[in-house]
Structures are given as structure tokens and as C-alpha cells.
C-alpha atoms as a PDB file:
ATOM      1  CA  UNK A   1       3.966   2.121  19.512  1.00  0.00           C
ATOM      2  CA  UNK A   2       5.814  -0.916  20.662  1.00  0.00           C
ATOM      3  CA  UNK A   3       7.562  -3.674  18.788  1.00  0.00           C
ATOM      4  CA  UNK A   4       4.390  -5.753  18.337  1.00  0.00           C
ATOM      5  CA  UNK A   5       3.549  -6.985  14.795  1.00  0.00           C
ATOM      6  CA  UNK A   6       0.628  -5.470  12.929  1.00  0.00           C
ATOM      7  CA  UNK A   7      -1.213  -8.829  12.646  1.00  0.00           C
ATOM      8  CA  UNK A   8      -1.912  -8.278   8.965  1.00  0.00           C
ATOM      9  CA  UNK A   9      -2.576 -11.373   6.931  1.00  0.00           C
ATOM     10  CA  UNK A  10      -4.210 -12.650   3.772  1.00  0.00           C
ATOM     11  CA  UNK A  11      -7.555 -12.972   5.567  1.00  0.00           C
ATOM     12  CA  UNK A  12      -7.985  -9.234   5.045  1.00  0.00           C
ATOM     13  CA  UNK A  13      -7.660  -9.603   1.266  1.00  0.00           C
ATOM     14  CA  UNK A  14     -10.767  -9.427  -0.928  1.00  0.00           C
ATOM     15  CA  UNK A  15     -10.582 -11.598  -4.067  1.00  0.00           C
ATOM     16  CA  UNK A  16     -11.747  -8.931  -6.532  1.00  0.00           C
ATOM     17  CA  UNK A  17     -12.527  -5.222  -6.846  1.00  0.00           C
ATOM     18  CA  UNK A  18     -15.952  -5.561  -5.256  1.00  0.00           C
ATOM     19  CA  UNK A  19     -16.238  -4.093  -1.808  1.00  0.00           C
ATOM     20  CA  UNK A  20     -13.192  -1.868  -2.134  1.00  0.00           C
ATOM     21  CA  UNK A  21     -13.566   1.614  -0.797  1.00  0.00           C
ATOM     22  CA  UNK A  22     -13.017   4.366  -3.404  1.00  0.00           C
ATOM     23  CA  UNK A  23     -10.599   7.004  -2.099  1.00  0.00           C
ATOM     24  CA  UNK A  24      -8.231   9.662  -3.390  1.00  0.00           C
ATOM     25  CA  UNK A  25      -4.600   9.012  -4.271  1.00  0.00           C
ATOM     26  CA  UNK A  26      -3.639  11.152  -1.288  1.00  0.00           C
ATOM     27  CA  UNK A  27      -5.675   8.930   1.039  1.00  0.00           C
ATOM     28  CA  UNK A  28      -4.013   5.802  -0.358  1.00  0.00           C
ATOM     29  CA  UNK A  29      -0.604   7.403   0.174  1.00  0.00           C
ATOM     30  CA  UNK A  30      -1.554   8.307   3.784  1.00  0.00           C
ATOM     31  CA  UNK A  31      -2.758   4.777   4.535  1.00  0.00           C
ATOM     32  CA  UNK A  32       0.381   3.160   3.133  1.00  0.00           C
ATOM     33  CA  UNK A  33       2.614   5.655   4.970  1.00  0.00           C
ATOM     34  CA  UNK A  34       0.838   5.034   8.282  1.00  0.00           C
ATOM     35  CA  UNK A  35       1.378   1.286   7.919  1.00  0.00           C
ATOM     36  CA  UNK A  36       5.034   1.814   6.944  1.00  0.00           C
ATOM     37  CA  UNK A  37       5.582   4.043   9.974  1.00  0.00           C
ATOM     38  CA  UNK A  38       3.939   1.495  12.290  1.00  0.00           C
ATOM     39  CA  UNK A  39       5.816  -1.569  11.025  1.00  0.00           C
ATOM     40  CA  UNK A  40       8.769  -2.401  13.292  1.00  0.00           C
ATOM     41  CA  UNK A  41      10.471  -4.378  10.507  1.00  0.00           C
ATOM     42  CA  UNK A  42      11.140  -1.112   8.631  1.00  0.00           C
ATOM     43  CA  UNK A  43      12.880   0.680  11.505  1.00  0.00           C
ATOM     44  CA  UNK A  44      16.227  -0.785  10.423  1.00  0.00           C
ATOM     45  CA  UNK A  45      16.050   0.569   6.856  1.00  0.00           C
ATOM     46  CA  UNK A  46      19.045   2.686   5.894  1.00  0.00           C
ATOM     47  CA  UNK A  47      16.800   5.664   5.126  1.00  0.00           C
ATOM     48  CA  UNK A  48      13.294   6.901   5.899  1.00  0.00           C
ATOM     49  CA  UNK A  49      10.713   5.071   3.809  1.00  0.00           C
ATOM     50  CA  UNK A  50       8.313   7.543   2.216  1.00  0.00           C
ATOM     51  CA  UNK A  51       5.277   6.206   0.390  1.00  0.00           C
ATOM     52  CA  UNK A  52       5.044   7.634  -3.119  1.00  0.00           C
ATOM     53  CA  UNK A  53       1.788   8.818  -4.684  1.00  0.00           C
ATOM     54  CA  UNK A  54      -0.050   5.836  -6.192  1.00  0.00           C
ATOM     55  CA  UNK A  55      -0.267   5.662  -9.975  1.00  0.00           C
ATOM     56  CA  UNK A  56      -3.465   4.499 -11.662  1.00  0.00           C
ATOM     57  CA  UNK A  57      -3.121   1.436 -13.858  1.00  0.00           C
ATOM     58  CA  UNK A  58      -4.421   1.313 -17.427  1.00  0.00           C
ATOM     59  CA  UNK A  59      -6.986  -1.272 -16.331  1.00  0.00           C
ATOM     60  CA  UNK A  60      -7.890  -3.187 -13.219  1.00  0.00           C
ATOM     61  CA  UNK A  61      -5.526  -5.996 -12.342  1.00  0.00           C
ATOM     62  CA  UNK A  62      -6.881  -9.571 -12.151  1.00  0.00           C
ATOM     63  CA  UNK A  63      -7.361  -8.928  -8.418  1.00  0.00           C
ATOM     64  CA  UNK A  64      -9.493  -5.826  -9.110  1.00  0.00           C
ATOM     65  CA  UNK A  65      -6.998  -3.161  -8.023  1.00  0.00           C
ATOM     66  CA  UNK A  66      -6.696  -0.046 -10.185  1.00  0.00           C
ATOM     67  CA  UNK A  67      -3.436   1.460  -8.844  1.00  0.00           C
ATOM     68  CA  UNK A  68       0.188   0.678  -8.056  1.00  0.00           C
ATOM     69  CA  UNK A  69       3.138   2.330  -6.301  1.00  0.00           C
ATOM     70  CA  UNK A  70       6.579   2.694  -7.863  1.00  0.00           C
ATOM     71  CA  UNK A  71       9.515   2.731  -5.442  1.00  0.00           C
ATOM     72  CA  UNK A  72      11.647  -0.223  -6.586  1.00  0.00           C
ATOM     73  CA  UNK A  73      15.344   0.132  -5.928  1.00  0.00           C
ATOM     74  CA  UNK A  74      14.928   2.979  -3.460  1.00  0.00           C
ATOM     75  CA  UNK A  75      14.839   0.880  -0.279  1.00  0.00           C
ATOM     76  CA  UNK A  76      17.128  -2.170  -0.683  1.00  0.00           C
ATOM     77  CA  UNK A  77      16.417  -4.864   1.884  1.00  0.00           C
ATOM     78  CA  UNK A  78      13.129  -3.288   2.931  1.00  0.00           C
ATOM     79  CA  UNK A  79      11.160  -3.745  -0.272  1.00  0.00           C
ATOM     80  CA  UNK A  80       9.565  -7.127   0.600  1.00  0.00           C
ATOM     81  CA  UNK A  81       7.941  -5.545   3.669  1.00  0.00           C
ATOM     82  CA  UNK A  82       6.830  -2.502   1.671  1.00  0.00           C
ATOM     83  CA  UNK A  83       5.391  -4.817  -1.016  1.00  0.00           C
ATOM     84  CA  UNK A  84       3.373  -6.599   1.659  1.00  0.00           C
ATOM     85  CA  UNK A  85       1.972  -3.322   2.989  1.00  0.00           C
ATOM     86  CA  UNK A  86       1.116  -2.016  -0.496  1.00  0.00           C
ATOM     87  CA  UNK A  87      -0.593  -5.309  -1.346  1.00  0.00           C
ATOM     88  CA  UNK A  88      -2.734  -5.148   1.790  1.00  0.00           C
ATOM     89  CA  UNK A  89      -3.882  -1.611   0.968  1.00  0.00           C
ATOM     90  CA  UNK A  90      -4.482  -2.569  -2.683  1.00  0.00           C
ATOM     91  CA  UNK A  91      -6.996  -5.148  -1.492  1.00  0.00           C
ATOM     92  CA  UNK A  92      -8.847  -2.578   0.618  1.00  0.00           C
ATOM     93  CA  UNK A  93      -9.135   0.495  -1.603  1.00  0.00           C
ATOM     94  CA  UNK A  94      -9.181   1.706  -5.204  1.00  0.00           C
ATOM     95  CA  UNK A  95      -8.628   5.188  -6.543  1.00  0.00           C
ATOM     96  CA  UNK A  96     -12.000   6.840  -7.048  1.00  0.00           C
ATOM     97  CA  UNK A  97     -12.832   8.203 -10.490  1.00  0.00           C
ATOM     98  CA  UNK A  98     -12.962  11.765  -9.212  1.00  0.00           C
ATOM     99  CA  UNK A  99      -9.558  11.547  -7.503  1.00  0.00           C
ATOM    100  CA  UNK A 100      -7.005  14.064  -8.783  1.00  0.00           C
ATOM    101  CA  UNK A 101      -3.703  12.406  -9.602  1.00  0.00           C
END
């Protein structure tokens, strides 16, 4: 992959939980990791960014997402980019009820 941007923007974001694909926590982790690995802005991080396993939330957020990822403080300087990637995936998928976490 080259240095080209991923062309991800808010136009991909769905306003609520409707239309989100239901997937396993492992699939969410894979999707986030693939986007992290492809983003040229993260190549200058001091250490390899590894996506953690998503954690289900007690209830859906106002945006309709039912999971989050906890990594704060692990990747100083890179976290705004990681937040952007996680947010994009949060608007695409939710953890399915049968997913093992």
C-alpha cells in the first residue's frame, strides 16, 4: 500500500443503530486492525498499534453503537487517528448477541 489516504469521512456514518451489520468481537477487532495497518498516519507511532478486543457497552449509545475499545494512554500522539478509525467502524457494525466476548 502506498501513502494515499483512506478517504474515510462522515458520509459513511449511519445516524443510529439501524442498518449496522451484526458481527463478532473478533471481526470488529480485525476490521479496526486492518484500518490501523492501512493508515499512513500511524506509521510514525512509537510502537505497533494493536487493536484491543471490543467491549460491549451496558446499553446502546445515542448513536446506536453497542461496543467500545479501551486503549487510552497506550499510543500517545496516535490516539486521535485511532479514535477516528474506531468511530468509523462503530457506525458500521455492532456486536451480535451470539458473539462470545
